[in-house]
Amino acid sequence: MKVLMTEYLRIDLDTENWECRVCDHVIGSATKSYKEGLLVHNRDPREIHPPILDPEKYRFTFSPDPEWVRILEFCCPSCGTQVETEYAIPGHPPLYDMEPDLPALKAQWASRGEQKTPVVGPAVAADKGHGH
């Protein structure tokens, strides 16, 4: 049985592996961080948040200093879907943000049917067209 974990990740409880929900690629063991099986792009934060003030004139430009912060983009090695983005301190390892309790998940999902799509609540406002 496969359990949806995030928008782009699921766990196959039978094989205990992380999988990409977009292309079904097996990312790695669910006993480890899913990030270990993804490609990582260490982005210069100035690419994402360009300076507002001229860096030739001002020391502080409202753009993150790459010596203080890095932006890590984690992508599926098969389809390239960006699974996670993380702001991190240079020199520190990526965050270990999910450690699923596999026996508890198996017990919880044993009596349920597999969900292929996420459960979505009702629309907040019905589409009534343009009214003026």
C-alpha atoms as a PDB file:
ATOM      1  CA  MET A   1       0.000   0.000   0.000  1.00  0.00           C
ATOM      2  CA  LYS A   2       1.195   3.492  -0.841  1.00  0.00           C
ATOM      3  CA  VAL A   3       0.637   6.417   1.536  1.00  0.00           C
ATOM      4  CA  LEU A   4       0.717  10.037   0.381  1.00  0.00           C
ATOM      5  CA  MET A   5       3.138  12.042   2.542  1.00  0.00           C
ATOM      6  CA  THR A   6       3.561  15.390   0.755  1.00  0.00           C
ATOM      7  CA  GLU A   7       2.516  16.934  -2.523  1.00  0.00           C
ATOM      8  CA  TYR A   8       5.340  15.091  -4.318  1.00  0.00           C
ATOM      9  CA  LEU A   9       6.296  12.227  -1.969  1.00  0.00           C
ATOM     10  CA  ARG A  10       4.670   8.980  -0.918  1.00  0.00           C
ATOM     11  CA  ILE A  11       5.813   5.883   0.953  1.00  0.00           C
ATOM     12  CA  ASP A  12       5.269   2.369  -0.333  1.00  0.00           C
ATOM     13  CA  LEU A  13       4.590   0.518   2.923  1.00  0.00           C
ATOM     14  CA  ASP A  14       5.231  -2.882   1.314  1.00  0.00           C
ATOM     15  CA  THR A  15       8.785  -2.035   0.192  1.00  0.00           C
ATOM     16  CA  GLU A  16       9.360   0.738   2.786  1.00  0.00           C
ATOM     17  CA  ASN A  17      10.614   3.126   0.101  1.00  0.00           C
ATOM     18  CA  TRP A  18      10.086   6.801  -0.659  1.00  0.00           C
ATOM     19  CA  GLU A  19       8.620   7.353  -4.145  1.00  0.00           C
ATOM     20  CA  CYS A  20       8.061  10.354  -6.389  1.00  0.00           C
ATOM     21  CA  ARG A  21       4.324  10.890  -6.844  1.00  0.00           C
ATOM     22  CA  VAL A  22       4.853  12.425 -10.283  1.00  0.00           C
ATOM     23  CA  CYS A  23       6.865   9.678 -12.029  1.00  0.00           C
ATOM     24  CA  ASP A  24       6.781   6.728  -9.537  1.00  0.00           C
ATOM     25  CA  HIS A  25      10.601   6.775  -9.231  1.00  0.00           C
ATOM     26  CA  VAL A  26      11.889   4.965  -6.129  1.00  0.00           C
ATOM     27  CA  ILE A  27      13.865   7.617  -4.249  1.00  0.00           C
ATOM     28  CA  GLY A  28      15.251   5.464  -1.443  1.00  0.00           C
ATOM     29  CA  SER A  29      14.583   3.761   1.844  1.00  0.00           C
ATOM     30  CA  ALA A  30      11.922   5.352   4.038  1.00  0.00           C
ATOM     31  CA  THR A  31      14.114   4.520   7.036  1.00  0.00           C
ATOM     32  CA  LYS A  32      16.411   7.327   5.841  1.00  0.00           C
ATOM     33  CA  SER A  33      15.865  10.921   4.754  1.00  0.00           C
ATOM     34  CA  TYR A  34      14.182  11.188   1.369  1.00  0.00           C
ATOM     35  CA  LYS A  35      16.663  13.970   0.553  1.00  0.00           C
ATOM     36  CA  GLU A  36      19.466  11.389   0.288  1.00  0.00           C
ATOM     37  CA  GLY A  37      17.895  10.037  -2.904  1.00  0.00           C
ATOM     38  CA  LEU A  38      17.209  13.392  -4.580  1.00  0.00           C
ATOM     39  CA  LEU A  39      19.366  15.664  -6.678  1.00  0.00           C
ATOM     40  CA  VAL A  40      20.327  18.873  -4.904  1.00  0.00           C
ATOM     41  CA  HIS A  41      21.049  22.263  -6.415  1.00  0.00           C
ATOM     42  CA  ASN A  42      22.892  24.638  -4.089  1.00  0.00           C
ATOM     43  CA  ARG A  43      21.541  27.993  -5.271  1.00  0.00           C
ATOM     44  CA  ASP A  44      23.140  31.372  -4.743  1.00  0.00           C
ATOM     45  CA  PRO A  45      20.461  33.240  -2.748  1.00  0.00           C
ATOM     46  CA  ARG A  46      21.125  36.376  -4.818  1.00  0.00           C
ATOM     47  CA  GLU A  47      19.660  34.525  -7.847  1.00  0.00           C
ATOM     48  CA  ILE A  48      16.365  34.092  -6.012  1.00  0.00           C
ATOM     49  CA  HIS A  49      16.374  37.389  -4.104  1.00  0.00           C
ATOM     50  CA  PRO A  50      18.240  39.930  -6.250  1.00  0.00           C
ATOM     51  CA  PRO A  51      19.591  43.092  -4.592  1.00  0.00           C
ATOM     52  CA  ILE A  52      17.147  45.973  -4.270  1.00  0.00           C
ATOM     53  CA  LEU A  53      19.930  48.507  -3.724  1.00  0.00           C
ATOM     54  CA  ASP A  54      23.073  48.870  -5.829  1.00  0.00           C
ATOM     55  CA  PRO A  55      25.714  46.525  -4.318  1.00  0.00           C
ATOM     56  CA  GLU A  56      28.459  48.854  -5.614  1.00  0.00           C
ATOM     57  CA  LYS A  57      27.150  51.649  -3.367  1.00  0.00           C
ATOM     58  CA  TYR A  58      25.673  49.811  -0.391  1.00  0.00           C
ATOM     59  CA  ARG A  59      26.918  46.986   1.801  1.00  0.00           C
ATOM     60  CA  PHE A  60      23.402  45.832   2.696  1.00  0.00           C
ATOM     61  CA  THR A  61      21.171  45.452  -0.355  1.00  0.00           C
ATOM     62  CA  PHE A  62      18.219  43.414   1.036  1.00  0.00           C
ATOM     63  CA  SER A  63      19.649  40.383  -0.766  1.00  0.00           C
ATOM     64  CA  PRO A  64      20.768  37.407   1.359  1.00  0.00           C
ATOM     65  CA  ASP A  65      24.509  37.060   1.870  1.00  0.00           C
ATOM     66  CA  PRO A  66      25.664  33.714   0.383  1.00  0.00           C
ATOM     67  CA  GLU A  67      28.192  33.393   3.219  1.00  0.00           C
ATOM     68  CA  TRP A  68      25.291  33.331   5.703  1.00  0.00           C
ATOM     69  CA  VAL A  69      22.566  31.426   3.860  1.00  0.00           C
ATOM     70  CA  ARG A  70      22.208  28.932   1.042  1.00  0.00           C
ATOM     71  CA  ILE A  71      19.119  27.762  -0.780  1.00  0.00           C
ATOM     72  CA  LEU A  72      18.934  24.041  -1.476  1.00  0.00           C
ATOM     73  CA  GLU A  73      16.538  22.780  -4.137  1.00  0.00           C
ATOM     74  CA  PHE A  74      15.842  19.034  -3.981  1.00  0.00           C
ATOM     75  CA  CYS A  75      14.616  17.443  -7.227  1.00  0.00           C
ATOM     76  CA  CYS A  76      13.567  13.980  -8.374  1.00  0.00           C
ATOM     77  CA  PRO A  77      16.467  12.457 -10.361  1.00  0.00           C
ATOM     78  CA  SER A  78      14.037  10.865 -12.797  1.00  0.00           C
ATOM     79  CA  CYS A  79      11.510  13.584 -13.728  1.00  0.00           C
ATOM     80  CA  GLY A  80      13.141  16.715 -12.287  1.00  0.00           C
ATOM     81  CA  THR A  81      10.174  17.703 -10.122  1.00  0.00           C
ATOM     82  CA  GLN A  82      11.251  20.059  -7.343  1.00  0.00           C
ATOM     83  CA  VAL A  83      10.240  18.156  -4.221  1.00  0.00           C
ATOM     84  CA  GLU A  84      11.571  20.487  -1.519  1.00  0.00           C
ATOM     85  CA  THR A  85      13.339  23.816  -1.038  1.00  0.00           C
ATOM     86  CA  GLU A  86      15.325  24.644   2.057  1.00  0.00           C
ATOM     87  CA  TYR A  87      17.091  27.725   3.391  1.00  0.00           C
ATOM     88  CA  ALA A  88      20.166  26.469   5.219  1.00  0.00           C
ATOM     89  CA  ILE A  89      23.340  27.651   6.890  1.00  0.00           C
ATOM     90  CA  PRO A  90      26.443  27.077   4.716  1.00  0.00           C
ATOM     91  CA  GLY A  91      28.448  24.139   6.003  1.00  0.00           C
ATOM     92  CA  HIS A  92      25.505  22.550   7.828  1.00  0.00           C
ATOM     93  CA  PRO A  93      23.850  19.364   6.564  1.00  0.00           C
ATOM     94  CA  PRO A  94      20.318  19.503   5.132  1.00  0.00           C
ATOM     95  CA  LEU A  95      17.472  19.296   7.637  1.00  0.00           C
ATOM     96  CA  TYR A  96      16.164  15.868   8.529  1.00  0.00           C
ATOM     97  CA  ASP A  97      12.546  16.948   8.420  1.00  0.00           C
ATOM     98  CA  MET A  98      10.539  13.698   8.243  1.00  0.00           C
ATOM     99  CA  GLU A  99      11.093  10.442  10.081  1.00  0.00           C
ATOM    100  CA  PRO A 100       7.989   8.339   9.548  1.00  0.00           C
ATOM    101  CA  ASP A 101       7.089   5.660  12.067  1.00  0.00           C
ATOM    102  CA  LEU A 102       6.674   2.834   9.547  1.00  0.00           C
ATOM    103  CA  PRO A 103       5.141   0.241  11.927  1.00  0.00           C
ATOM    104  CA  ALA A 104       2.584   2.835  13.094  1.00  0.00           C
ATOM    105  CA  LEU A 105       1.774   3.821   9.493  1.00  0.00           C
ATOM    106  CA  LYS A 106       1.301   0.177   8.542  1.00  0.00           C
ATOM    107  CA  ALA A 107      -1.039  -0.366  11.498  1.00  0.00           C
ATOM    108  CA  GLN A 108      -2.965   2.831  10.769  1.00  0.00           C
ATOM    109  CA  TRP A 109      -3.438   2.042   7.077  1.00  0.00           C
ATOM    110  CA  ALA A 110      -4.095  -1.717   7.467  1.00  0.00           C
ATOM    111  CA  SER A 111      -7.854  -1.161   7.706  1.00  0.00           C
ATOM    112  CA  ARG A 112      -8.029   1.585   5.067  1.00  0.00           C
ATOM    113  CA  GLY A 113      -8.040   1.420   1.312  1.00  0.00           C
ATOM    114  CA  GLU A 114      -5.215   2.981  -0.642  1.00  0.00           C
ATOM    115  CA  GLN A 115      -5.752   6.626  -1.597  1.00  0.00           C
ATOM    116  CA  LYS A 116      -4.473   7.501  -5.054  1.00  0.00           C
ATOM    117  CA  THR A 117      -5.382  11.186  -4.775  1.00  0.00           C
ATOM    118  CA  PRO A 118      -5.363  13.529  -1.790  1.00  0.00           C
ATOM    119  CA  VAL A 119      -8.585  14.319   0.034  1.00  0.00           C
ATOM    120  CA  VAL A 120      -9.684  17.851  -0.801  1.00  0.00           C
ATOM    121  CA  GLY A 121     -12.316  19.830   1.042  1.00  0.00           C
ATOM    122  CA  PRO A 122     -15.252  21.569  -0.639  1.00  0.00           C
ATOM    123  CA  ALA A 123     -14.748  24.681  -2.722  1.00  0.00           C
ATOM    124  CA  VAL A 124     -14.803  27.807  -0.579  1.00  0.00           C
ATOM    125  CA  ALA A 125     -16.955  29.748  -3.012  1.00  0.00           C
ATOM    126  CA  ALA A 126     -18.923  28.240  -5.845  1.00  0.00           C
ATOM    127  CA  ASP A 127     -18.072  29.647  -9.272  1.00  0.00           C
ATOM    128  CA  LYS A 128     -21.016  31.908 -10.100  1.00  0.00           C
ATOM    129  CA  GLY A 129     -19.438  33.714 -13.005  1.00  0.00           C
ATOM    130  CA  HIS A 130     -18.756  37.372 -13.360  1.00  0.00           C
ATOM    131  CA  GLY A 131     -21.620  39.198 -11.697  1.00  0.00           C
ATOM    132  CA  HIS A 132     -21.303  42.868 -12.608  1.00  0.00           C
END
